[in-house]
Amino acid sequence: MQVRVARLTKSRLQSLRREFEMLQMGDEENMTDFSGKLSHLVTQIRNLGEKVEEEKKEEKAHLAKTEEKTESTLLMAIIEEVLLQGTMEAQIEEGM
């Protein structure tokens, strides 16, 4: 019986580790939701007796935050370009 439990625990840990490594913030997901998923996953791993270094958890959160900032910066640049283009077109029309 203990052997079966040990195998199931090992299998579940492998699955959770893989999920942790693959975890990324989704396009429609905010940082709060992502942090919640990350914390829940780390808790599950720790409950099965494996340590998760706080550094690894923080690194994962930092990467997600960086991706979120990059996407926001890109979106702002696109918006600024569209607004600038509209302003230039309006100035050209005024000059005609």
C-alpha atoms as a PDB file:
ATOM      1  CA  MET A   1       0.000   0.000   0.000  1.00  0.00           C
ATOM      2  CA  GLN A   2       2.802   2.426   0.897  1.00  0.00           C
ATOM      3  CA  VAL A   3       4.547   1.661  -2.383  1.00  0.00           C
ATOM      4  CA  ARG A   4       1.399   2.581  -4.299  1.00  0.00           C
ATOM      5  CA  VAL A   5       1.062   5.867  -2.375  1.00  0.00           C
ATOM      6  CA  ALA A   6       4.734   6.665  -2.989  1.00  0.00           C
ATOM      7  CA  ARG A   7       4.325   6.035  -6.734  1.00  0.00           C
ATOM      8  CA  LEU A   8       1.200   8.181  -6.907  1.00  0.00           C
ATOM      9  CA  THR A   9       2.939  10.977  -4.992  1.00  0.00           C
ATOM     10  CA  LYS A  10       5.974  10.803  -7.271  1.00  0.00           C
ATOM     11  CA  SER A  11       3.780  10.860 -10.355  1.00  0.00           C
ATOM     12  CA  ARG A  12       1.745  13.799  -9.051  1.00  0.00           C
ATOM     13  CA  LEU A  13       4.934  15.704  -8.194  1.00  0.00           C
ATOM     14  CA  GLN A  14       6.283  15.172 -11.701  1.00  0.00           C
ATOM     15  CA  SER A  15       3.047  16.474 -13.147  1.00  0.00           C
ATOM     16  CA  LEU A  16       3.031  19.526 -10.876  1.00  0.00           C
ATOM     17  CA  ARG A  17       6.711  20.278 -11.603  1.00  0.00           C
ATOM     18  CA  ARG A  18       5.997  20.152 -15.322  1.00  0.00           C
ATOM     19  CA  GLU A  19       2.983  22.411 -14.859  1.00  0.00           C
ATOM     20  CA  PHE A  20       5.146  24.833 -12.840  1.00  0.00           C
ATOM     21  CA  GLU A  21       7.819  24.946 -15.548  1.00  0.00           C
ATOM     22  CA  MET A  22       5.257  25.461 -18.320  1.00  0.00           C
ATOM     23  CA  LEU A  23       3.201  28.046 -16.424  1.00  0.00           C
ATOM     24  CA  GLN A  24       2.897  31.343 -18.274  1.00  0.00           C
ATOM     25  CA  MET A  25       0.589  34.271 -17.913  1.00  0.00           C
ATOM     26  CA  GLY A  26      -2.266  34.131 -20.421  1.00  0.00           C
ATOM     27  CA  ASP A  27      -3.126  36.980 -22.785  1.00  0.00           C
ATOM     28  CA  GLU A  28      -6.337  37.832 -20.932  1.00  0.00           C
ATOM     29  CA  GLU A  29      -4.898  37.210 -17.471  1.00  0.00           C
ATOM     30  CA  ASN A  30      -3.836  39.916 -15.031  1.00  0.00           C
ATOM     31  CA  MET A  31      -0.940  39.699 -12.599  1.00  0.00           C
ATOM     32  CA  THR A  32      -3.220  39.040  -9.608  1.00  0.00           C
ATOM     33  CA  ASP A  33      -4.806  36.000 -11.268  1.00  0.00           C
ATOM     34  CA  PHE A  34      -1.426  34.674 -12.388  1.00  0.00           C
ATOM     35  CA  SER A  35       0.060  35.098  -8.900  1.00  0.00           C
ATOM     36  CA  GLY A  36      -2.884  33.188  -7.453  1.00  0.00           C
ATOM     37  CA  LYS A  37      -2.354  30.283  -9.864  1.00  0.00           C
ATOM     38  CA  LEU A  38       1.369  30.291  -9.130  1.00  0.00           C
ATOM     39  CA  SER A  39       0.852  30.285  -5.360  1.00  0.00           C
ATOM     40  CA  HIS A  40      -1.738  27.497  -5.580  1.00  0.00           C
ATOM     41  CA  LEU A  41       0.613  25.361  -7.653  1.00  0.00           C
ATOM     42  CA  VAL A  42       3.548  25.943  -5.290  1.00  0.00           C
ATOM     43  CA  THR A  43       1.335  25.058  -2.308  1.00  0.00           C
ATOM     44  CA  GLN A  44       0.313  21.779  -3.953  1.00  0.00           C
ATOM     45  CA  ILE A  45       3.966  20.896  -4.583  1.00  0.00           C
ATOM     46  CA  ARG A  46       4.954  21.768  -1.019  1.00  0.00           C
ATOM     47  CA  ASN A  47       2.028  19.762   0.402  1.00  0.00           C
ATOM     48  CA  LEU A  48       3.479  16.692  -1.294  1.00  0.00           C
ATOM     49  CA  GLY A  49       6.753  17.235   0.577  1.00  0.00           C
ATOM     50  CA  GLU A  50       8.903  18.921  -2.039  1.00  0.00           C
ATOM     51  CA  LYS A  51      10.596  22.245  -1.508  1.00  0.00           C
ATOM     52  CA  VAL A  52      10.090  25.022  -4.021  1.00  0.00           C
ATOM     53  CA  GLU A  53      12.711  27.683  -3.678  1.00  0.00           C
ATOM     54  CA  GLU A  54      11.180  31.099  -3.116  1.00  0.00           C
ATOM     55  CA  GLU A  55      13.621  32.390  -5.743  1.00  0.00           C
ATOM     56  CA  LYS A  56      12.080  30.131  -8.400  1.00  0.00           C
ATOM     57  CA  LYS A  57       8.597  31.334  -7.533  1.00  0.00           C
ATOM     58  CA  GLU A  58       9.684  34.980  -7.589  1.00  0.00           C
ATOM     59  CA  GLU A  59      11.528  34.480 -10.884  1.00  0.00           C
ATOM     60  CA  LYS A  60       8.372  33.054 -12.470  1.00  0.00           C
ATOM     61  CA  ALA A  61       6.306  36.004 -11.201  1.00  0.00           C
ATOM     62  CA  HIS A  62       8.952  38.489 -12.376  1.00  0.00           C
ATOM     63  CA  LEU A  63       8.965  37.012 -15.878  1.00  0.00           C
ATOM     64  CA  ALA A  64       5.191  37.291 -16.068  1.00  0.00           C
ATOM     65  CA  LYS A  65       5.309  40.885 -14.848  1.00  0.00           C
ATOM     66  CA  THR A  66       7.988  41.725 -17.441  1.00  0.00           C
ATOM     67  CA  GLU A  67       5.890  40.189 -20.227  1.00  0.00           C
ATOM     68  CA  GLU A  68       2.869  42.169 -19.049  1.00  0.00           C
ATOM     69  CA  LYS A  69       4.889  45.420 -19.085  1.00  0.00           C
ATOM     70  CA  THR A  70       6.303  44.649 -22.536  1.00  0.00           C
ATOM     71  CA  GLU A  71       2.821  44.055 -23.949  1.00  0.00           C
ATOM     72  CA  SER A  72       1.531  47.252 -22.324  1.00  0.00           C
ATOM     73  CA  THR A  73       4.467  49.236 -23.700  1.00  0.00           C
ATOM     74  CA  LEU A  74       3.885  47.857 -27.181  1.00  0.00           C
ATOM     75  CA  LEU A  75       0.185  48.664 -26.989  1.00  0.00           C
ATOM     76  CA  MET A  76       0.929  52.220 -25.841  1.00  0.00           C
ATOM     77  CA  ALA A  77       3.390  52.681 -28.709  1.00  0.00           C
ATOM     78  CA  ILE A  78       0.753  51.543 -31.212  1.00  0.00           C
ATOM     79  CA  ILE A  79      -1.846  53.883 -29.712  1.00  0.00           C
ATOM     80  CA  GLU A  80       0.590  56.804 -29.800  1.00  0.00           C
ATOM     81  CA  GLU A  81       1.438  56.056 -33.435  1.00  0.00           C
ATOM     82  CA  VAL A  82      -2.241  55.965 -34.426  1.00  0.00           C
ATOM     83  CA  LEU A  83      -2.923  59.221 -32.573  1.00  0.00           C
ATOM     84  CA  LEU A  84       0.113  60.874 -34.141  1.00  0.00           C
ATOM     85  CA  GLN A  85      -0.930  59.716 -37.589  1.00  0.00           C
ATOM     86  CA  GLY A  86      -4.450  61.088 -37.012  1.00  0.00           C
ATOM     87  CA  THR A  87      -3.015  64.435 -35.884  1.00  0.00           C
ATOM     88  CA  MET A  88      -0.780  64.628 -38.948  1.00  0.00           C
ATOM     89  CA  GLU A  89      -3.686  63.823 -41.266  1.00  0.00           C
ATOM     90  CA  ALA A  90      -5.794  66.530 -39.588  1.00  0.00           C
ATOM     91  CA  GLN A  91      -2.987  69.080 -40.027  1.00  0.00           C
ATOM     92  CA  ILE A  92      -2.619  68.157 -43.708  1.00  0.00           C
ATOM     93  CA  GLU A  93      -6.362  68.568 -44.255  1.00  0.00           C
ATOM     94  CA  GLU A  94      -6.281  71.976 -42.508  1.00  0.00           C
ATOM     95  CA  GLY A  95      -3.460  73.110 -44.779  1.00  0.00           C
ATOM     96  CA  MET A  96      -5.433  72.252 -47.921  1.00  0.00           C
END
